[in-house]
Amino acid sequence: MTKALFINGSPRKNGNTAQLLKRAMDGAREAGAEVELVNLYDRSMNSILMDTSAKQLAVFGPTEILCSYDTYQFSNYDRYDAATFSKAHKAEVRDTQFPIDLEKAYELGKRLVAKAKE
């Protein structure tokens, strides 16, 4: 069984990074991998090191980079002094580009598992 570990380094568990990771996990799962998500902000560095040491974790396999730019940074821009951002532009990108990025993440998850099985 192919295993895929996904690590979220963002403090926002449901933010853009988490959504992209979850979509990549869907693709990896569909390709036949057993998936696991680790939220770094849920764990102390000591527990991560202990867990890694206990499992003798090694990272092998193909890697790729997926970039998703110009995404929403806040759920409600009216609550912040963020005059350098256009609320309308961010909403447009969120509605048009972010769904494309989510599909790219899904395909990336599938592709990496397929490459790992080769």
N, C-alpha and C. Protein backbone atom coordinates (compact mmCIF):
# COMPACT_ATOMS: atom_id res chain seq x y z
N MET A 1 0.85 -1.18 0.00
CA MET A 1 0.00 0.00 0.00
C MET A 1 0.89 1.24 0.00
N THR A 2 0.65 2.15 -0.91
CA THR A 2 1.35 3.42 -0.96
C THR A 2 0.80 4.32 0.12
N LYS A 3 1.67 4.97 0.85
CA LYS A 3 1.26 5.90 1.90
C LYS A 3 1.69 7.30 1.50
N ALA A 4 0.84 8.26 1.77
CA ALA A 4 1.15 9.66 1.44
C ALA A 4 0.90 10.51 2.67
N LEU A 5 1.91 11.24 3.08
CA LEU A 5 1.82 12.12 4.24
C LEU A 5 1.74 13.57 3.74
N PHE A 6 0.76 14.27 4.22
CA PHE A 6 0.56 15.68 3.85
C PHE A 6 0.76 16.51 5.11
N ILE A 7 1.55 17.57 5.01
CA ILE A 7 1.89 18.39 6.17
C ILE A 7 1.41 19.81 5.94
N ASN A 8 0.56 20.27 6.83
CA ASN A 8 0.05 21.64 6.77
C ASN A 8 0.82 22.48 7.77
N GLY A 9 1.60 23.43 7.26
CA GLY A 9 2.36 24.32 8.12
C GLY A 9 1.65 25.63 8.42
N SER A 10 0.44 25.77 7.93
CA SER A 10 -0.32 27.00 8.15
C SER A 10 -1.08 26.92 9.47
N PRO A 11 -1.18 28.03 10.19
CA PRO A 11 -1.96 28.01 11.44
C PRO A 11 -3.47 27.93 11.18
N ARG A 12 -3.88 28.20 9.96
CA ARG A 12 -5.32 28.17 9.64
C ARG A 12 -5.68 26.78 9.11
N LYS A 13 -6.37 25.99 9.93
CA LYS A 13 -6.68 24.60 9.60
C LYS A 13 -7.67 24.47 8.45
N ASN A 14 -8.39 25.52 8.14
CA ASN A 14 -9.35 25.47 7.04
C ASN A 14 -9.07 26.54 5.99
N GLY A 15 -7.86 27.06 6.01
CA GLY A 15 -7.48 28.11 5.07
C GLY A 15 -7.16 27.55 3.69
N ASN A 16 -6.60 28.41 2.86
CA ASN A 16 -6.28 28.05 1.48
C ASN A 16 -5.35 26.85 1.39
N THR A 17 -4.28 26.86 2.19
CA THR A 17 -3.32 25.76 2.16
C THR A 17 -3.98 24.45 2.54
N ALA A 18 -4.78 24.49 3.59
CA ALA A 18 -5.48 23.27 4.04
C ALA A 18 -6.44 22.76 2.96
N GLN A 19 -7.13 23.67 2.30
CA GLN A 19 -8.05 23.25 1.25
C GLN A 19 -7.31 22.60 0.09
N LEU A 20 -6.18 23.18 -0.29
CA LEU A 20 -5.38 22.60 -1.37
C LEU A 20 -4.84 21.24 -0.97
N LEU A 21 -4.35 21.12 0.26
CA LEU A 21 -3.84 19.83 0.74
C LEU A 21 -4.94 18.77 0.77
N LYS A 22 -6.12 19.14 1.25
CA LYS A 22 -7.22 18.18 1.32
C LYS A 22 -7.63 17.71 -0.08
N ARG A 23 -7.57 18.61 -1.03
CA ARG A 23 -7.92 18.23 -2.41
C ARG A 23 -6.85 17.31 -2.99
N ALA A 24 -5.57 17.59 -2.69
CA ALA A 24 -4.49 16.70 -3.13
C ALA A 24 -4.64 15.33 -2.47
N MET A 25 -5.07 15.33 -1.22
CA MET A 25 -5.29 14.06 -0.51
C MET A 25 -6.41 13.26 -1.18
N ASP A 26 -7.45 13.95 -1.64
CA ASP A 26 -8.54 13.26 -2.36
C ASP A 26 -7.98 12.56 -3.59
N GLY A 27 -7.13 13.26 -4.34
CA GLY A 27 -6.53 12.67 -5.53
C GLY A 27 -5.64 11.50 -5.20
N ALA A 28 -4.84 11.63 -4.15
CA ALA A 28 -3.95 10.55 -3.73
C ALA A 28 -4.76 9.34 -3.27
N ARG A 29 -5.82 9.60 -2.54
CA ARG A 29 -6.70 8.52 -2.07
C ARG A 29 -7.33 7.80 -3.26
N GLU A 30 -7.80 8.57 -4.24
CA GLU A 30 -8.41 7.96 -5.42
C GLU A 30 -7.41 7.10 -6.18
N ALA A 31 -6.14 7.50 -6.15
CA ALA A 31 -5.09 6.74 -6.84
C ALA A 31 -4.65 5.52 -6.03
N GLY A 32 -5.25 5.33 -4.86
CA GLY A 32 -4.98 4.12 -4.10
C GLY A 32 -4.07 4.28 -2.90
N ALA A 33 -3.75 5.50 -2.52
CA ALA A 33 -2.85 5.71 -1.39
C ALA A 33 -3.62 5.79 -0.08
N GLU A 34 -2.95 5.40 0.96
CA GLU A 34 -3.42 5.64 2.32
C GLU A 34 -2.87 7.02 2.68
N VAL A 35 -3.73 7.95 3.07
CA VAL A 35 -3.29 9.33 3.30
C VAL A 35 -3.40 9.71 4.76
N GLU A 36 -2.53 10.62 5.14
CA GLU A 36 -2.55 11.17 6.50
C GLU A 36 -2.20 12.64 6.43
N LEU A 37 -2.89 13.45 7.21
CA LEU A 37 -2.64 14.89 7.29
C LEU A 37 -2.10 15.21 8.68
N VAL A 38 -1.02 15.96 8.72
CA VAL A 38 -0.45 16.44 9.97
C VAL A 38 -0.53 17.96 9.95
N ASN A 39 -1.20 18.53 10.95
CA ASN A 39 -1.24 19.97 11.13
C ASN A 39 -0.15 20.33 12.13
N LEU A 40 0.89 20.99 11.66
CA LEU A 40 2.03 21.29 12.53
C LEU A 40 1.65 22.14 13.73
N TYR A 41 0.66 23.00 13.58
CA TYR A 41 0.28 23.87 14.68
C TYR A 41 -0.48 23.13 15.77
N ASP A 42 -0.85 21.88 15.53
CA ASP A 42 -1.49 21.06 16.55
C ASP A 42 -0.47 20.35 17.43
N ARG A 43 0.77 20.36 17.02
CA ARG A 43 1.77 19.53 17.68
C ARG A 43 2.99 20.34 18.09
N SER A 44 3.57 19.93 19.18
CA SER A 44 4.82 20.56 19.61
C SER A 44 5.96 19.96 18.77
N MET A 45 7.02 20.69 18.63
CA MET A 45 8.17 20.19 17.87
C MET A 45 8.70 18.91 18.52
N ASN A 46 8.66 18.85 19.84
CA ASN A 46 9.15 17.66 20.53
C ASN A 46 8.32 16.42 20.13
N SER A 47 6.99 16.57 20.07
CA SER A 47 6.16 15.41 19.71
C SER A 47 6.37 15.01 18.26
N ILE A 48 6.63 15.97 17.40
CA ILE A 48 6.89 15.65 15.99
C ILE A 48 8.20 14.88 15.87
N LEU A 49 9.23 15.34 16.58
CA LEU A 49 10.52 14.65 16.53
C LEU A 49 10.42 13.25 17.14
N MET A 50 9.70 13.11 18.25
CA MET A 50 9.54 11.80 18.89
C MET A 50 8.79 10.86 17.95
N ASP A 51 7.71 11.34 17.34
CA ASP A 51 6.92 10.51 16.44
C ASP A 51 7.76 10.10 15.23
N THR A 52 8.49 11.04 14.69
CA THR A 52 9.35 10.76 13.54
C THR A 52 10.41 9.73 13.90
N SER A 53 11.00 9.90 15.05
CA SER A 53 12.03 8.98 15.50
C SER A 53 11.46 7.59 15.73
N ALA A 54 10.30 7.51 16.34
CA ALA A 54 9.69 6.22 16.65
C ALA A 54 9.31 5.46 15.38
N LYS A 55 8.88 6.17 14.37
CA LYS A 55 8.46 5.53 13.12
C LYS A 55 9.61 5.36 12.13
N GLN A 56 10.75 5.95 12.45
CA GLN A 56 11.88 5.97 11.53
C GLN A 56 11.42 6.45 10.15
N LEU A 57 10.76 7.58 10.18
CA LEU A 57 10.15 8.15 8.99
C LEU A 57 11.21 8.58 7.99
N ALA A 58 11.01 8.18 6.77
CA ALA A 58 11.87 8.62 5.67
C ALA A 58 10.96 9.11 4.55
N VAL A 59 11.38 10.15 3.91
CA VAL A 59 10.59 10.71 2.82
C VAL A 59 11.23 10.29 1.50
N PHE A 60 10.50 9.52 0.75
CA PHE A 60 10.98 9.06 -0.54
C PHE A 60 9.87 9.30 -1.54
N GLY A 61 10.24 9.44 -2.76
CA GLY A 61 9.25 9.53 -3.81
C GLY A 61 9.30 10.84 -4.55
N PRO A 62 8.47 10.93 -5.54
CA PRO A 62 8.45 12.13 -6.37
C PRO A 62 7.88 13.32 -5.62
N THR A 63 8.29 14.49 -6.02
CA THR A 63 7.76 15.72 -5.45
C THR A 63 7.45 16.70 -6.58
N GLU A 64 6.54 17.58 -6.32
CA GLU A 64 6.20 18.67 -7.23
C GLU A 64 5.81 19.87 -6.39
N ILE A 65 5.79 21.01 -7.01
CA ILE A 65 5.37 22.23 -6.35
C ILE A 65 4.12 22.74 -7.04
N LEU A 66 3.13 23.10 -6.24
CA LEU A 66 1.91 23.73 -6.75
C LEU A 66 1.81 25.10 -6.10
N CYS A 67 1.76 26.13 -6.91
CA CYS A 67 1.64 27.49 -6.40
C CYS A 67 0.23 28.00 -6.63
N SER A 68 -0.32 28.61 -5.61
CA SER A 68 -1.64 29.22 -5.70
C SER A 68 -1.48 30.65 -5.19
N TYR A 69 -1.65 31.61 -6.09
CA TYR A 69 -1.35 33.00 -5.77
C TYR A 69 -2.61 33.84 -5.62
N ASP A 70 -2.41 34.96 -4.94
CA ASP A 70 -3.42 36.02 -4.88
C ASP A 70 -4.73 35.53 -4.27
N THR A 71 -4.61 34.67 -3.28
CA THR A 71 -5.81 34.09 -2.66
C THR A 71 -6.30 34.97 -1.51
N TYR A 72 -7.49 34.68 -1.04
CA TYR A 72 -8.03 35.35 0.14
C TYR A 72 -7.10 35.13 1.32
N GLN A 73 -6.85 36.16 2.07
CA GLN A 73 -6.07 36.03 3.30
C GLN A 73 -6.96 36.11 4.52
N PHE A 74 -8.13 36.71 4.38
CA PHE A 74 -9.08 36.88 5.48
C PHE A 74 -10.45 36.43 5.01
N SER A 75 -11.24 35.92 5.93
CA SER A 75 -12.61 35.55 5.54
C SER A 75 -13.49 36.79 5.42
N ASN A 76 -13.13 37.87 6.12
CA ASN A 76 -13.91 39.10 6.07
C ASN A 76 -12.95 40.29 6.03
N TYR A 77 -12.75 40.84 4.87
CA TYR A 77 -11.81 41.95 4.70
C TYR A 77 -12.26 43.22 5.42
N ASP A 78 -13.55 43.32 5.73
CA ASP A 78 -14.05 44.51 6.43
C ASP A 78 -13.55 44.59 7.87
N ARG A 79 -13.09 43.50 8.42
CA ARG A 79 -12.62 43.46 9.81
C ARG A 79 -11.16 43.88 9.96
N TYR A 80 -10.47 44.10 8.84
CA TYR A 80 -9.03 44.38 8.89
C TYR A 80 -8.71 45.65 8.11
N ASP A 81 -7.62 46.27 8.50
CA ASP A 81 -7.10 47.41 7.76
C ASP A 81 -6.17 46.84 6.69
N ALA A 82 -6.73 46.53 5.56
CA ALA A 82 -5.96 45.90 4.47
C ALA A 82 -6.20 46.68 3.17
N ALA A 83 -5.92 47.97 3.24
CA ALA A 83 -6.21 48.84 2.11
C ALA A 83 -5.37 48.50 0.87
N THR A 84 -4.28 47.79 1.04
CA THR A 84 -3.45 47.44 -0.11
C THR A 84 -4.07 46.33 -0.95
N PHE A 85 -5.10 45.67 -0.41
CA PHE A 85 -5.77 44.60 -1.14
C PHE A 85 -7.12 45.08 -1.66
N SER A 86 -7.46 44.69 -2.85
CA SER A 86 -8.77 44.99 -3.40
C SER A 86 -9.70 43.83 -3.04
N LYS A 87 -10.69 44.12 -2.22
CA LYS A 87 -11.65 43.09 -1.80
C LYS A 87 -12.34 42.48 -3.03
N ALA A 88 -12.70 43.30 -3.99
CA ALA A 88 -13.38 42.80 -5.20
C ALA A 88 -12.46 41.90 -6.01
N HIS A 89 -11.20 42.30 -6.14
CA HIS A 89 -10.24 41.48 -6.89
C HIS A 89 -10.02 40.14 -6.20
N LYS A 90 -9.85 40.16 -4.88
CA LYS A 90 -9.65 38.91 -4.13
C LYS A 90 -10.85 37.99 -4.30
N ALA A 91 -12.06 38.55 -4.27
CA ALA A 91 -13.27 37.74 -4.46
C ALA A 91 -13.31 37.14 -5.86
N GLU A 92 -12.91 37.91 -6.85
CA GLU A 92 -12.90 37.41 -8.23
C GLU A 92 -11.91 36.25 -8.38
N VAL A 93 -10.72 36.42 -7.83
CA VAL A 93 -9.71 35.35 -7.90
C VAL A 93 -10.23 34.12 -7.16
N ARG A 94 -10.84 34.34 -6.01
CA ARG A 94 -11.38 33.22 -5.22
C ARG A 94 -12.44 32.46 -6.02
N ASP A 95 -13.25 33.17 -6.76
CA ASP A 95 -14.34 32.53 -7.52
C ASP A 95 -13.87 31.91 -8.83
N THR A 96 -12.81 32.46 -9.44
CA THR A 96 -12.41 31.98 -10.76
C THR A 96 -11.14 31.13 -10.75
N GLN A 97 -10.09 31.58 -10.06
CA GLN A 97 -8.81 30.88 -10.10
C GLN A 97 -8.68 29.79 -9.04
N PHE A 98 -9.18 30.03 -7.84
CA PHE A 98 -8.97 29.06 -6.76
C PHE A 98 -9.60 27.70 -7.07
N PRO A 99 -10.77 27.64 -7.70
CA PRO A 99 -11.29 26.32 -8.08
C PRO A 99 -10.37 25.59 -9.07
N ILE A 100 -9.72 26.32 -9.94
CA ILE A 100 -8.76 25.72 -10.87
C ILE A 100 -7.56 25.18 -10.09
N ASP A 101 -7.09 25.96 -9.12
CA ASP A 101 -5.97 25.52 -8.28
C ASP A 101 -6.33 24.28 -7.47
N LEU A 102 -7.56 24.20 -7.00
CA LEU A 102 -8.01 23.01 -6.26
C LEU A 102 -7.99 21.78 -7.15
N GLU A 103 -8.39 21.94 -8.40
CA GLU A 103 -8.35 20.80 -9.34
C GLU A 103 -6.91 20.40 -9.66
N LYS A 104 -6.04 21.41 -9.76
CA LYS A 104 -4.61 21.11 -9.98
C LYS A 104 -4.06 20.32 -8.79
N ALA A 105 -4.48 20.66 -7.58
CA ALA A 105 -4.03 19.94 -6.39
C ALA A 105 -4.52 18.50 -6.42
N TYR A 106 -5.76 18.30 -6.84
CA TYR A 106 -6.34 16.96 -6.95
C TYR A 106 -5.53 16.11 -7.94
N GLU A 107 -5.26 16.67 -9.09
CA GLU A 107 -4.49 15.96 -10.12
C GLU A 107 -3.05 15.71 -9.65
N LEU A 108 -2.48 16.66 -8.92
CA LEU A 108 -1.14 16.48 -8.38
C LEU A 108 -1.12 15.28 -7.42
N GLY A 109 -2.11 15.18 -6.55
CA GLY A 109 -2.18 14.05 -5.63
C GLY A 109 -2.23 12.72 -6.37
N LYS A 110 -3.05 12.65 -7.39
CA LYS A 110 -3.15 11.42 -8.19
C LYS A 110 -1.84 11.11 -8.89
N ARG A 111 -1.24 12.14 -9.48
CA ARG A 111 -0.01 11.97 -10.26
C ARG A 111 1.15 11.50 -9.38
N LEU A 112 1.28 12.08 -8.19
CA LEU A 112 2.38 11.69 -7.32
C LEU A 112 2.27 10.25 -6.85
N VAL A 113 1.05 9.81 -6.57
CA VAL A 113 0.87 8.40 -6.17
C VAL A 113 1.17 7.48 -7.33
N ALA A 114 0.73 7.85 -8.53
CA ALA A 114 1.02 7.03 -9.71
C ALA A 114 2.52 6.94 -9.93
N LYS A 115 3.24 8.05 -9.79
CA LYS A 115 4.70 8.04 -9.96
C LYS A 115 5.37 7.19 -8.88
N ALA A 116 4.85 7.25 -7.66
CA ALA A 116 5.43 6.48 -6.56
C ALA A 116 5.25 4.98 -6.77
N LYS A 117 4.21 4.61 -7.48
CA LYS A 117 3.94 3.19 -7.74
C LYS A 117 4.78 2.63 -8.89
N GLU A 118 5.38 3.48 -9.70
CA GLU A 118 6.14 3.05 -10.87
C GLU A 118 7.38 2.27 -10.46
